[in-house]
């Protein structure tokens, strides 16, 4: 299974529209279009999961294709680097300095 990143989506894009676009290149397992936590509005990108062979075909065919007047950026999704824990650093401890 391959996870595909789809960037530069029009804000009017729906999961159904994205699924239909990719389905012409193979079976789509899932579609996710993240929304902004505060506003609930689409963020302009999404993820599609497809079988490996279908994903390669879809990426080649759809990268740069227009959707809603915008050229899509389509490539294999990269794993997000692990979040660093801990608070924001500052200067060292609170010792006296002379």
N, C-alpha and C. Protein backbone atom coordinates (compact mmCIF):
# COMPACT_ATOMS: atom_id res chain seq x y z
N UNK A 1 0.85 -1.17 0.00
CA UNK A 1 0.00 0.00 0.00
C UNK A 1 0.90 1.24 0.00
N UNK A 2 0.54 2.22 -0.80
CA UNK A 2 1.31 3.46 -0.88
C UNK A 2 0.42 4.63 -0.50
N UNK A 3 0.97 5.51 0.32
CA UNK A 3 0.27 6.73 0.70
C UNK A 3 0.79 7.85 -0.20
N UNK A 4 -0.14 8.54 -0.85
CA UNK A 4 0.20 9.58 -1.81
C UNK A 4 -0.18 10.95 -1.23
N UNK A 5 0.74 11.89 -1.33
CA UNK A 5 0.48 13.28 -0.94
C UNK A 5 -0.08 14.01 -2.15
N UNK A 6 -1.17 14.75 -1.94
CA UNK A 6 -1.77 15.55 -3.00
C UNK A 6 -1.81 16.99 -2.51
N UNK A 7 -0.95 17.82 -3.08
CA UNK A 7 -0.85 19.21 -2.65
C UNK A 7 -1.46 20.16 -3.66
N UNK A 8 -1.69 21.39 -3.20
CA UNK A 8 -2.24 22.47 -4.01
C UNK A 8 -3.67 22.18 -4.45
N UNK A 9 -4.40 21.45 -3.61
CA UNK A 9 -5.81 21.18 -3.91
C UNK A 9 -6.62 22.47 -3.79
N UNK A 10 -7.63 22.64 -4.64
CA UNK A 10 -8.51 23.79 -4.43
C UNK A 10 -9.26 23.60 -3.11
N UNK A 11 -9.57 24.67 -2.44
CA UNK A 11 -10.24 24.58 -1.15
C UNK A 11 -11.66 24.03 -1.28
N UNK A 12 -12.16 23.96 -2.50
CA UNK A 12 -13.50 23.41 -2.74
C UNK A 12 -13.48 21.91 -2.98
N UNK A 13 -12.29 21.30 -3.03
CA UNK A 13 -12.18 19.86 -3.30
C UNK A 13 -12.83 19.05 -2.19
N UNK A 14 -13.51 17.99 -2.57
CA UNK A 14 -14.12 17.08 -1.60
C UNK A 14 -13.43 15.73 -1.68
N UNK A 15 -13.63 14.91 -0.65
CA UNK A 15 -13.06 13.56 -0.67
C UNK A 15 -13.59 12.78 -1.87
N UNK A 16 -14.86 12.93 -2.18
CA UNK A 16 -15.44 12.21 -3.31
C UNK A 16 -14.80 12.63 -4.63
N UNK A 17 -14.55 13.93 -4.81
CA UNK A 17 -13.93 14.42 -6.05
C UNK A 17 -12.51 13.89 -6.20
N UNK A 18 -11.76 13.88 -5.10
CA UNK A 18 -10.39 13.38 -5.13
C UNK A 18 -10.39 11.87 -5.39
N UNK A 19 -11.30 11.16 -4.74
CA UNK A 19 -11.41 9.70 -4.96
C UNK A 19 -11.72 9.41 -6.42
N UNK A 20 -12.64 10.15 -7.01
CA UNK A 20 -13.00 9.95 -8.41
C UNK A 20 -11.81 10.20 -9.33
N UNK A 21 -11.06 11.27 -9.05
CA UNK A 21 -9.89 11.60 -9.86
C UNK A 21 -8.87 10.46 -9.84
N UNK A 22 -8.59 9.92 -8.66
CA UNK A 22 -7.59 8.86 -8.54
C UNK A 22 -8.12 7.50 -8.97
N UNK A 23 -9.41 7.27 -8.85
CA UNK A 23 -9.99 5.96 -9.17
C UNK A 23 -9.83 5.60 -10.64
N UNK A 24 -9.63 6.59 -11.50
CA UNK A 24 -9.43 6.28 -12.91
C UNK A 24 -8.06 5.65 -13.15
N UNK A 25 -7.22 5.59 -12.10
CA UNK A 25 -5.89 5.00 -12.22
C UNK A 25 -5.72 3.75 -11.35
N UNK A 26 -6.78 3.32 -10.69
CA UNK A 26 -6.72 2.11 -9.87
C UNK A 26 -7.64 2.23 -8.67
N UNK A 27 -7.63 1.18 -7.86
CA UNK A 27 -8.50 1.13 -6.68
C UNK A 27 -7.96 2.03 -5.58
N UNK A 28 -8.83 2.89 -5.07
CA UNK A 28 -8.47 3.80 -3.99
C UNK A 28 -8.91 3.19 -2.67
N UNK A 29 -7.97 3.06 -1.74
CA UNK A 29 -8.27 2.48 -0.44
C UNK A 29 -8.86 3.52 0.51
N UNK A 30 -8.26 4.71 0.52
CA UNK A 30 -8.76 5.77 1.40
C UNK A 30 -8.36 7.14 0.87
N UNK A 31 -9.13 8.15 1.30
CA UNK A 31 -8.85 9.56 0.99
C UNK A 31 -9.02 10.33 2.28
N UNK A 32 -8.07 11.22 2.58
CA UNK A 32 -8.18 12.08 3.77
C UNK A 32 -7.79 13.50 3.36
N UNK A 33 -8.67 14.45 3.68
CA UNK A 33 -8.41 15.86 3.42
C UNK A 33 -8.43 16.59 4.77
N UNK A 34 -7.26 16.85 5.35
CA UNK A 34 -7.21 17.50 6.66
C UNK A 34 -7.83 18.90 6.64
N UNK A 35 -8.41 19.26 7.78
CA UNK A 35 -8.97 20.61 7.93
C UNK A 35 -8.26 21.33 9.07
N UNK A 36 -8.33 22.64 9.04
CA UNK A 36 -7.73 23.45 10.08
C UNK A 36 -8.50 23.23 11.39
N UNK A 37 -7.78 23.03 12.48
CA UNK A 37 -8.43 22.74 13.77
C UNK A 37 -9.29 23.89 14.26
N UNK A 38 -8.85 25.11 14.03
CA UNK A 38 -9.57 26.27 14.56
C UNK A 38 -10.74 26.69 13.69
N UNK A 39 -10.55 26.67 12.36
CA UNK A 39 -11.60 27.18 11.47
C UNK A 39 -12.44 26.09 10.85
N UNK A 40 -11.92 24.86 10.80
CA UNK A 40 -12.64 23.77 10.16
C UNK A 40 -12.56 23.82 8.63
N UNK A 41 -11.82 24.78 8.10
CA UNK A 41 -11.69 24.92 6.65
C UNK A 41 -10.62 23.97 6.11
N UNK A 42 -10.75 23.54 4.85
CA UNK A 42 -9.74 22.66 4.25
C UNK A 42 -8.37 23.34 4.24
N UNK A 43 -7.32 22.53 4.30
CA UNK A 43 -5.96 23.06 4.35
C UNK A 43 -5.28 23.05 2.99
N UNK A 44 -5.94 22.54 1.95
CA UNK A 44 -5.39 22.60 0.60
C UNK A 44 -4.50 21.44 0.21
N UNK A 45 -4.51 20.39 1.02
CA UNK A 45 -3.76 19.18 0.66
C UNK A 45 -4.50 17.98 1.20
N UNK A 46 -4.05 16.80 0.77
CA UNK A 46 -4.69 15.59 1.25
C UNK A 46 -3.82 14.38 1.00
N UNK A 47 -4.35 13.22 1.37
CA UNK A 47 -3.64 11.96 1.21
C UNK A 47 -4.58 10.92 0.61
N UNK A 48 -4.02 10.12 -0.30
CA UNK A 48 -4.77 9.05 -0.94
C UNK A 48 -3.95 7.78 -0.76
N UNK A 49 -4.60 6.68 -0.42
CA UNK A 49 -3.92 5.39 -0.33
C UNK A 49 -4.39 4.49 -1.45
N UNK A 50 -3.40 3.88 -2.14
CA UNK A 50 -3.67 2.98 -3.25
C UNK A 50 -2.65 1.84 -3.21
N UNK A 51 -2.95 0.76 -3.95
CA UNK A 51 -1.97 -0.32 -4.11
C UNK A 51 -0.72 0.26 -4.78
N UNK A 52 0.43 -0.33 -4.50
CA UNK A 52 1.71 0.21 -4.98
C UNK A 52 1.74 0.48 -6.49
N UNK A 53 1.35 -0.50 -7.30
CA UNK A 53 1.42 -0.33 -8.76
C UNK A 53 0.46 0.76 -9.23
N UNK A 54 -0.74 0.79 -8.65
CA UNK A 54 -1.72 1.82 -9.02
C UNK A 54 -1.23 3.20 -8.60
N UNK A 55 -0.59 3.28 -7.45
CA UNK A 55 -0.10 4.56 -6.94
C UNK A 55 0.95 5.15 -7.87
N UNK A 56 1.86 4.33 -8.35
CA UNK A 56 2.90 4.83 -9.26
C UNK A 56 2.28 5.38 -10.54
N UNK A 57 1.28 4.69 -11.07
CA UNK A 57 0.59 5.14 -12.27
C UNK A 57 -0.13 6.46 -12.01
N UNK A 58 -0.84 6.55 -10.88
CA UNK A 58 -1.59 7.76 -10.55
C UNK A 58 -0.67 8.96 -10.35
N UNK A 59 0.45 8.75 -9.67
CA UNK A 59 1.41 9.84 -9.43
C UNK A 59 1.92 10.38 -10.77
N UNK A 60 2.32 9.47 -11.65
CA UNK A 60 2.85 9.89 -12.96
C UNK A 60 1.80 10.63 -13.78
N UNK A 61 0.56 10.17 -13.71
CA UNK A 61 -0.50 10.75 -14.53
C UNK A 61 -1.05 12.06 -13.97
N UNK A 62 -1.09 12.19 -12.65
CA UNK A 62 -1.81 13.32 -12.05
C UNK A 62 -0.93 14.47 -11.58
N UNK A 63 0.36 14.26 -11.42
CA UNK A 63 1.22 15.35 -10.97
C UNK A 63 1.21 16.45 -12.03
N UNK A 64 0.82 17.65 -11.62
CA UNK A 64 0.75 18.79 -12.53
C UNK A 64 -0.60 18.97 -13.20
N UNK A 65 -1.49 17.97 -13.06
CA UNK A 65 -2.82 18.09 -13.67
C UNK A 65 -3.62 19.18 -12.95
N UNK A 66 -4.46 19.87 -13.71
CA UNK A 66 -5.29 20.94 -13.16
C UNK A 66 -6.53 20.37 -12.47
N UNK A 67 -6.85 20.95 -11.31
CA UNK A 67 -8.11 20.65 -10.62
C UNK A 67 -8.59 21.96 -10.03
N UNK A 68 -9.75 22.41 -10.45
CA UNK A 68 -10.28 23.67 -9.94
C UNK A 68 -9.36 24.84 -10.23
N UNK A 69 -8.66 24.80 -11.36
CA UNK A 69 -7.78 25.89 -11.73
C UNK A 69 -6.42 25.87 -11.05
N UNK A 70 -6.10 24.81 -10.34
CA UNK A 70 -4.81 24.71 -9.65
C UNK A 70 -4.06 23.47 -10.12
N UNK A 71 -2.75 23.61 -10.31
CA UNK A 71 -1.91 22.49 -10.73
C UNK A 71 -1.58 21.65 -9.50
N UNK A 72 -2.00 20.40 -9.51
CA UNK A 72 -1.79 19.52 -8.36
C UNK A 72 -0.32 19.11 -8.24
N UNK A 73 0.13 18.97 -7.01
CA UNK A 73 1.45 18.38 -6.72
C UNK A 73 1.17 17.01 -6.13
N UNK A 74 1.56 15.98 -6.84
CA UNK A 74 1.25 14.60 -6.44
C UNK A 74 2.55 13.82 -6.35
N UNK A 75 2.82 13.28 -5.16
CA UNK A 75 4.00 12.43 -4.99
C UNK A 75 3.78 11.48 -3.82
N UNK A 76 4.72 10.55 -3.66
CA UNK A 76 4.60 9.61 -2.55
C UNK A 76 4.77 10.38 -1.25
N UNK A 77 3.89 10.15 -0.30
CA UNK A 77 3.96 10.86 0.99
C UNK A 77 5.21 10.44 1.75
N UNK A 78 5.83 11.39 2.41
CA UNK A 78 7.00 11.13 3.24
C UNK A 78 6.54 11.00 4.68
N UNK A 79 7.17 10.11 5.43
CA UNK A 79 6.84 9.99 6.84
C UNK A 79 7.20 11.29 7.55
N UNK A 80 6.33 11.71 8.44
CA UNK A 80 6.59 12.91 9.22
C UNK A 80 7.68 12.60 10.23
N UNK A 81 8.68 13.49 10.37
CA UNK A 81 9.71 13.23 11.37
C UNK A 81 9.10 13.23 12.77
N UNK A 82 9.65 12.44 13.68
CA UNK A 82 9.07 12.40 15.02
C UNK A 82 9.17 13.77 15.69
N UNK A 83 8.14 14.10 16.43
CA UNK A 83 8.12 15.38 17.12
C UNK A 83 9.14 15.37 18.26
N UNK A 84 9.80 16.48 18.42
CA UNK A 84 10.76 16.55 19.52
C UNK A 84 9.99 16.89 20.79
N UNK A 85 10.35 16.23 21.84
CA UNK A 85 9.65 16.49 23.10
C UNK A 85 10.39 17.57 23.87
N UNK A 86 9.75 18.06 24.88
CA UNK A 86 10.38 19.08 25.71
C UNK A 86 9.90 20.46 25.32
N UNK A 87 10.07 21.37 26.22
CA UNK A 87 9.65 22.73 25.97
C UNK A 87 10.69 23.47 25.16
N UNK A 88 10.34 24.66 24.78
CA UNK A 88 11.29 25.49 24.05
C UNK A 88 12.47 25.79 24.95
N UNK A 89 13.62 25.67 24.43
CA UNK A 89 14.83 25.90 25.22
C UNK A 89 15.04 27.37 25.45
N UNK A 90 15.76 27.66 26.42
CA UNK A 90 16.15 29.02 26.72
C UNK A 90 17.57 28.98 27.18
N UNK A 91 17.97 29.96 27.87
CA UNK A 91 19.31 29.95 28.44
C UNK A 91 19.41 28.86 29.46
N UNK A 92 20.57 28.68 30.00
CA UNK A 92 20.81 27.62 30.97
C UNK A 92 20.06 27.85 32.26
N UNK A 93 20.44 27.15 33.29
CA UNK A 93 19.77 27.18 34.60
C UNK A 93 19.70 28.56 35.21
N UNK A 94 19.24 28.62 36.41
CA UNK A 94 19.02 29.93 37.06
C UNK A 94 20.10 30.29 38.06
N UNK A 95 21.30 29.88 37.86
CA UNK A 95 22.37 30.19 38.82
C UNK A 95 22.78 31.65 38.80
N UNK A 96 23.46 32.05 39.84
CA UNK A 96 23.96 33.43 39.89
C UNK A 96 25.16 33.56 38.98
N UNK A 97 25.25 34.69 38.35
CA UNK A 97 26.40 34.95 37.48
C UNK A 97 27.10 36.19 37.98
N UNK A 98 28.39 36.07 38.17
CA UNK A 98 29.16 37.22 38.67
C UNK A 98 30.11 37.70 37.65
